[in-house]
Amino acid sequence: MTDGAASATERLLALFNGHRLSPTQRRIAQYLLDHMPEAAFLSSVDVAERVGVSQPSVTRFAMALGFSGYPAMRDALRPIALRATSAPDSQEDIRRNEFQAAVDAEIRNLTALRDALADPRPVLDLGRDLSGSRPLTVLGSRISGPLAAYFAYGARRIHPDVRLAGGGSTVADELLQSREAGGTWVLAFAMPRYAAELRAALRCARELGLRTAVISDVLMPFASDVDVSLSAGVGSRLVFDSYAGPTVLATILLQAIADAEPDRAQRRLDAYEQLAERHGFFITG
């Protein structure tokens, strides 16, 4: 791959960097990556037809990148396209640059998280609060659900009563039961695109007298609806977001919960290991 071709792909990736794009907008970005230089000379209608989206979606994509509209974006794309004309990237070159750029973005997110943890007190304080909540309710809707399930799975090893609440209208019932059982805190995971039902659940929790904490990305739009928020950058370079930063932050919070009551955590971990050995939960050797 020549330097000219490499720089053309890198310049196009840089154009997308730092912008929160929806899945539809990422499909448009992917089309531009895969079909340069000819894509830079298409109309917005042509791009929409080839990607399989509406023409207004293409216009919104351009505006999401900071342009006044599609013509302004096309003007910015054409010099990149002309540079790539003499030595166009292969699909392998494009994918390598794209995948590496996604990993680089995650490295930056993790570096920012590391810098934020120079002051560990917010995480340690929240760990103590969550450790003392019995039960502790964990929330996560839609794409955030797997992160919530991961946290709840780990928390159950070190906390005596962890409840993973589902979505929909029944979450209010689960929150009420948690409050009546003596729970004081709810921890939620809120990843983009932020689920409206999660915001409603957090408001319900506060109405019931539960305190609320959220692990989210740095752009969470409803921080005012929670008592404590911890944030980590989300990777948005690919079709679906990646969650290296929030996953590391969740694991660190689990450590803080364990550290808040180390004797209890150790007893529960020992008991779990004995149970796992008796029943052969895991393959060893």
Protein backbone atom coordinates (compact mmCIF):
# COMPACT_ATOMS: atom_id res chain seq x y z
CA MET A 1 0.00 0.00 0.00
CA THR A 2 1.43 3.36 -0.97
CA ASP A 3 1.70 6.31 1.39
CA GLY A 4 -0.85 8.23 -0.71
CA ALA A 5 -3.43 5.48 -0.48
CA ALA A 6 -2.81 4.99 3.21
CA SER A 7 -3.19 8.66 3.99
CA ALA A 8 -6.44 8.84 2.02
CA THR A 9 -8.06 6.13 4.14
CA GLU A 10 -6.63 7.58 7.33
CA ARG A 11 -7.93 11.04 6.45
CA LEU A 12 -11.39 9.63 5.86
CA LEU A 13 -11.32 7.78 9.18
CA ALA A 14 -10.15 10.97 10.89
CA LEU A 15 -13.20 12.74 9.44
CA PHE A 16 -15.46 10.31 11.30
CA ASN A 17 -13.44 10.31 14.50
CA GLY A 18 -14.87 11.98 17.58
CA HIS A 19 -18.48 11.97 16.40
CA ARG A 20 -21.30 9.93 17.91
CA LEU A 21 -22.90 8.19 14.95
CA SER A 22 -26.04 6.09 14.92
CA PRO A 23 -25.95 2.59 13.39
CA THR A 24 -27.54 3.97 10.20
CA GLN A 25 -24.93 6.72 9.99
CA ARG A 26 -22.17 4.17 10.48
CA ARG A 27 -23.52 2.23 7.50
CA ILE A 28 -23.14 5.39 5.42
CA ALA A 29 -19.61 5.89 6.73
CA GLN A 30 -18.81 2.29 5.89
CA TYR A 31 -20.08 2.76 2.35
CA LEU A 32 -17.86 5.79 1.88
CA LEU A 33 -14.85 3.85 3.14
CA ASP A 34 -15.57 0.90 0.87
CA HIS A 35 -16.33 2.90 -2.29
CA MET A 36 -13.83 5.71 -2.42
CA PRO A 37 -13.05 7.55 -4.63
CA GLU A 38 -16.29 7.23 -6.63
CA ALA A 39 -18.51 7.76 -3.56
CA ALA A 40 -17.21 11.30 -3.18
CA PHE A 41 -18.83 12.28 -6.50
CA LEU A 42 -22.28 10.86 -5.86
CA SER A 43 -25.35 12.89 -4.96
CA SER A 44 -27.03 12.40 -1.60
CA VAL A 45 -29.85 10.56 -3.40
CA ASP A 46 -27.35 8.19 -5.03
CA VAL A 47 -25.64 7.48 -1.70
CA ALA A 48 -29.00 6.87 -0.02
CA GLU A 49 -30.07 4.41 -2.72
CA ARG A 50 -26.80 2.47 -2.61
CA VAL A 51 -26.68 2.26 1.18
CA GLY A 52 -30.40 1.53 1.48
CA VAL A 53 -31.32 4.51 3.66
CA SER A 54 -33.39 7.64 3.16
CA GLN A 55 -31.96 10.79 1.59
CA PRO A 56 -32.58 12.79 4.79
CA SER A 57 -30.48 10.20 6.63
CA VAL A 58 -27.53 11.09 4.40
CA THR A 59 -28.06 14.78 5.11
CA ARG A 60 -28.23 14.13 8.85
CA PHE A 61 -25.05 12.09 8.58
CA ALA A 62 -23.24 15.05 7.01
CA MET A 63 -24.53 17.38 9.71
CA ALA A 64 -23.49 14.91 12.43
CA LEU A 65 -19.95 15.30 11.13
CA GLY A 66 -20.20 19.06 11.54
CA PHE A 67 -21.00 20.07 7.95
CA SER A 68 -23.81 22.42 6.96
CA GLY A 69 -25.20 19.74 4.67
CA TYR A 70 -24.30 17.03 2.19
CA PRO A 71 -22.78 19.36 -0.47
CA ALA A 72 -20.30 20.74 2.10
CA MET A 73 -19.32 17.22 3.13
CA ARG A 74 -18.88 16.16 -0.50
CA ASP A 75 -16.58 19.15 -1.05
CA ALA A 76 -14.45 17.90 1.83
CA LEU A 77 -14.45 14.33 0.51
CA ARG A 78 -13.33 15.13 -3.03
CA PRO A 79 -9.71 16.09 -2.23
CA ILE A 80 -9.42 12.84 -0.27
CA ALA A 81 -10.91 10.91 -3.18
CA LEU A 82 -8.58 12.52 -5.72
CA ARG A 83 -5.59 11.62 -3.59
CA ALA A 84 -6.72 8.00 -3.54
CA THR A 85 -7.44 7.78 -7.27
CA SER A 86 -3.88 6.98 -8.31
CA ALA A 87 -3.50 4.15 -5.80
CA PRO A 88 -6.83 3.05 -4.32
CA ASP A 89 -6.84 1.02 -1.13
CA SER A 90 -7.63 -2.67 -1.28
CA GLN A 91 -10.43 -3.99 0.93
CA GLU A 92 -7.76 -5.52 3.16
CA ASP A 93 -6.04 -2.13 3.53
CA ILE A 94 -9.32 -0.41 4.36
CA ARG A 95 -10.29 -3.01 6.95
CA ARG A 96 -6.86 -3.02 8.55
CA ASN A 97 -6.88 0.76 8.94
CA GLU A 98 -10.47 0.75 10.16
CA PHE A 99 -9.95 -2.03 12.71
CA GLN A 100 -6.71 -0.54 13.97
CA ALA A 101 -8.37 2.86 14.30
CA ALA A 102 -11.12 1.27 16.40
CA VAL A 103 -8.55 -0.29 18.73
CA ASP A 104 -6.64 3.00 18.92
CA ALA A 105 -9.85 4.74 19.96
CA GLU A 106 -10.37 2.19 22.74
CA ILE A 107 -6.80 2.70 23.92
CA ARG A 108 -7.51 6.42 24.20
CA ASN A 109 -10.69 5.67 26.15
CA LEU A 110 -8.80 3.43 28.56
CA THR A 111 -6.04 6.02 28.96
CA ALA A 112 -8.66 8.65 29.83
CA LEU A 113 -10.21 6.26 32.36
CA ARG A 114 -6.80 5.60 33.90
CA ASP A 115 -6.24 9.34 34.28
CA ALA A 116 -9.68 9.79 35.87
CA LEU A 117 -8.88 7.09 38.42
CA ALA A 118 -5.95 9.12 39.72
CA ASP A 119 -8.56 10.13 42.30
CA PRO A 120 -10.13 6.80 43.32
CA ARG A 121 -12.44 8.26 45.96
CA PRO A 122 -15.64 8.41 43.84
CA VAL A 123 -15.34 4.72 42.99
CA LEU A 124 -14.38 3.71 46.54
CA ASP A 125 -17.22 5.73 48.04
CA LEU A 126 -19.77 4.22 45.66
CA GLY A 127 -18.37 0.75 46.32
CA ARG A 128 -19.02 1.19 50.05
CA ASP A 129 -22.55 2.44 49.43
CA LEU A 130 -23.44 -0.41 47.08
CA SER A 131 -21.87 -2.94 49.42
CA GLY A 132 -24.21 -1.83 52.20
CA SER A 133 -27.39 -1.99 50.11
CA ARG A 134 -29.29 -5.23 50.76
CA PRO A 135 -30.64 -5.98 48.29
CA LEU A 136 -28.61 -4.26 45.59
CA THR A 137 -30.59 -3.84 42.37
CA VAL A 138 -28.80 -3.71 39.00
CA LEU A 139 -30.50 -2.30 35.89
CA GLY A 140 -29.67 -2.44 32.20
CA SER A 141 -31.96 -2.12 29.19
CA ARG A 142 -31.41 -3.09 25.57
CA ILE A 143 -27.69 -2.95 24.63
CA SER A 144 -26.79 -2.16 28.25
CA GLY A 145 -28.38 -5.40 29.47
CA PRO A 146 -25.31 -7.62 28.94
CA LEU A 147 -23.10 -5.21 30.90
CA ALA A 148 -25.60 -5.19 33.75
CA ALA A 149 -25.72 -9.01 33.68
CA TYR A 150 -21.92 -9.20 33.76
CA PHE A 151 -21.78 -6.90 36.79
CA ALA A 152 -24.58 -8.74 38.59
CA TYR A 153 -22.89 -12.10 37.99
CA GLY A 154 -19.69 -10.87 39.61
CA ALA A 155 -21.45 -8.99 42.39
CA ARG A 156 -23.33 -12.13 43.46
CA ARG A 157 -20.01 -13.76 44.27
CA ILE A 158 -19.22 -11.10 46.89
CA HIS A 159 -22.59 -9.56 47.91
CA PRO A 160 -25.40 -11.48 49.69
CA ASP A 161 -28.37 -10.13 47.70
CA VAL A 162 -28.02 -8.85 44.15
CA ARG A 163 -31.11 -8.52 41.96
CA LEU A 164 -30.89 -8.04 38.21
CA ALA A 165 -34.04 -6.19 37.16
CA GLY A 166 -35.59 -6.61 33.73
CA GLY A 167 -37.00 -3.99 31.42
CA GLY A 168 -40.51 -2.85 30.69
CA SER A 169 -43.26 -1.97 33.13
CA THR A 170 -42.44 -4.79 35.56
CA VAL A 171 -39.22 -3.05 36.58
CA ALA A 172 -41.30 -0.78 38.83
CA ASP A 173 -42.55 -3.86 40.68
CA GLU A 174 -38.99 -5.10 41.13
CA LEU A 175 -37.82 -1.73 42.40
CA LEU A 176 -40.69 -1.58 44.89
CA GLN A 177 -39.83 -5.07 46.16
CA SER A 178 -36.19 -4.08 46.51
CA ARG A 179 -37.08 -0.96 48.51
CA GLU A 180 -39.50 -2.86 50.79
CA ALA A 181 -36.83 -5.51 51.38
CA GLY A 182 -34.46 -2.86 52.71
CA GLY A 183 -32.51 -1.92 49.59
CA THR A 184 -31.07 1.57 49.44
CA TRP A 185 -29.25 1.72 46.08
CA VAL A 186 -29.81 0.93 42.41
CA LEU A 187 -26.93 0.67 39.95
CA ALA A 188 -27.75 1.10 36.25
CA PHE A 189 -25.77 0.78 33.06
CA ALA A 190 -26.66 3.31 30.37
CA MET A 191 -24.87 2.91 27.07
CA PRO A 192 -25.76 4.70 23.83
CA ARG A 193 -28.32 4.63 22.42
CA TYR A 194 -29.82 5.43 25.81
CA ALA A 195 -33.00 3.49 26.51
CA ALA A 196 -35.97 5.66 27.45
CA GLU A 197 -37.28 2.86 29.68
CA LEU A 198 -34.05 2.99 31.71
CA ARG A 199 -34.48 6.69 32.37
CA ALA A 200 -38.05 6.02 33.48
CA ALA A 201 -36.84 3.24 35.80
CA LEU A 202 -34.27 5.53 37.40
CA ARG A 203 -36.90 8.18 38.02
CA CYS A 204 -39.18 5.54 39.52
CA ALA A 205 -36.36 4.38 41.79
CA ARG A 206 -35.84 7.89 43.12
CA GLU A 207 -39.57 8.33 43.68
CA LEU A 208 -39.48 5.16 45.79
CA GLY A 209 -36.65 6.57 47.90
CA LEU A 210 -33.82 4.53 46.37
CA ARG A 211 -30.55 6.24 45.59
CA THR A 212 -29.32 5.79 42.04
CA ALA A 213 -25.92 5.35 40.43
CA VAL A 214 -25.09 4.93 36.75
CA ILE A 215 -22.12 3.71 34.76
CA SER A 216 -22.32 5.33 31.35
CA ASP A 217 -20.28 6.98 28.64
CA VAL A 218 -19.11 10.56 28.93
CA LEU A 219 -22.09 11.95 26.98
CA MET A 220 -24.96 10.56 29.07
CA PRO A 221 -27.85 13.01 28.64
CA PHE A 222 -29.69 12.39 31.91
CA ALA A 223 -27.02 12.73 34.59
CA SER A 224 -29.37 15.02 36.50
CA ASP A 225 -31.69 12.04 37.07
CA VAL A 226 -29.14 10.12 39.17
CA ASP A 227 -27.31 10.64 42.43
CA VAL A 228 -23.90 9.35 41.33
CA SER A 229 -22.48 8.83 37.85
CA LEU A 230 -19.26 7.16 36.75
CA SER A 231 -18.24 7.45 33.12
CA ALA A 232 -15.92 5.81 30.63
CA GLY A 233 -15.57 6.37 26.91
CA VAL A 234 -17.41 4.10 24.49
CA GLY A 235 -15.80 3.02 21.22
CA SER A 236 -17.92 4.15 18.29
CA ARG A 237 -15.73 3.45 15.25
CA LEU A 238 -17.48 0.27 14.11
CA VAL A 239 -21.08 -0.63 13.27
CA PHE A 240 -21.73 -1.49 16.92
CA ASP A 241 -20.25 0.27 19.95
CA SER A 242 -17.51 -1.40 21.93
CA TYR A 243 -17.34 -1.21 25.71
CA ALA A 244 -13.78 -1.81 26.87
CA GLY A 245 -13.83 1.29 29.09
CA PRO A 246 -17.21 0.69 30.78
CA THR A 247 -16.38 -2.99 31.30
CA VAL A 248 -13.09 -2.14 33.02
CA LEU A 249 -14.87 0.47 35.13
CA ALA A 250 -17.53 -2.06 36.13
CA THR A 251 -14.83 -4.53 37.17
CA ILE A 252 -13.07 -1.85 39.21
CA LEU A 253 -16.36 -1.06 40.96
CA LEU A 254 -16.73 -4.76 41.81
CA GLN A 255 -13.29 -4.59 43.38
CA ALA A 256 -14.37 -1.55 45.40
CA ILE A 257 -17.44 -3.47 46.66
CA ALA A 258 -15.22 -6.38 47.67
CA ASP A 259 -12.76 -4.05 49.41
CA ALA A 260 -15.58 -2.40 51.37
CA GLU A 261 -16.22 -5.66 53.26
CA PRO A 262 -13.21 -7.89 52.57
CA ASP A 263 -14.04 -10.60 55.12
CA ARG A 264 -17.53 -11.06 53.72
CA ALA A 265 -16.20 -11.09 50.17
CA GLN A 266 -13.59 -13.71 51.00
CA ARG A 267 -16.09 -15.95 52.78
CA ARG A 268 -18.44 -15.83 49.83
CA LEU A 269 -15.68 -16.45 47.31
CA ASP A 270 -14.41 -19.43 49.30
CA ALA A 271 -17.91 -20.87 49.57
CA TYR A 272 -18.44 -20.46 45.84
CA GLU A 273 -15.15 -22.18 45.02
CA GLN A 274 -16.10 -25.12 47.22
CA LEU A 275 -19.49 -25.36 45.52
CA ALA A 276 -17.90 -25.14 42.09
CA GLU A 277 -15.47 -27.91 42.93
CA ARG A 278 -18.15 -30.23 44.32
CA HIS A 279 -20.40 -29.83 41.30
CA GLY A 280 -17.76 -29.57 38.61
CA PHE A 281 -18.79 -26.16 37.28
CA PHE A 282 -15.56 -25.71 35.35
CA ILE A 283 -13.22 -27.82 33.25
CA THR A 284 -9.82 -28.07 34.93
CA GLY A 285 -6.79 -29.45 33.15
